[in-house]
Amino acid sequence: MTCEAGVTEAASADLEQRVESGAEQLANRAQEFGRELTEASRAADPRLRNWIGAGLVLFGGFLLMRSLDISWLRWLDFDLLWPILLIVAGALMLFRRGREVSE
């Protein structure tokens, strides 16, 4: 019995050490990922940030108008708006790409 208890304690201690080591590695990787993400967001194109900001403002405004239940905006449905936004975004991307190629 004493031998089995010693083996079990040794296995338990080994398992605990491996779990702690794995947790430390995971924490280090998460911190490294956070640093890389921060650097990437700082290096992003300012125009992209402006477009994302404008999109968030427009989307927030849309949600606000929907929650205010303004009668003349009842026709504006998200199922209708979403494809329109995708079409407009794609058209803008194509238009800008065409201007860049011609310059």
Foldseek 3Di string as FASTA:
>chain_A
DVVVVVVVVVVVVVVVVVVVVVVVVVVVVVVVVVVVVVVVVVPDDVVVVVVVVVVVVVVVVVVVCVVVPDPVCPVPDPVVVVVVVVVVVVVVVVVVVVVVVVD
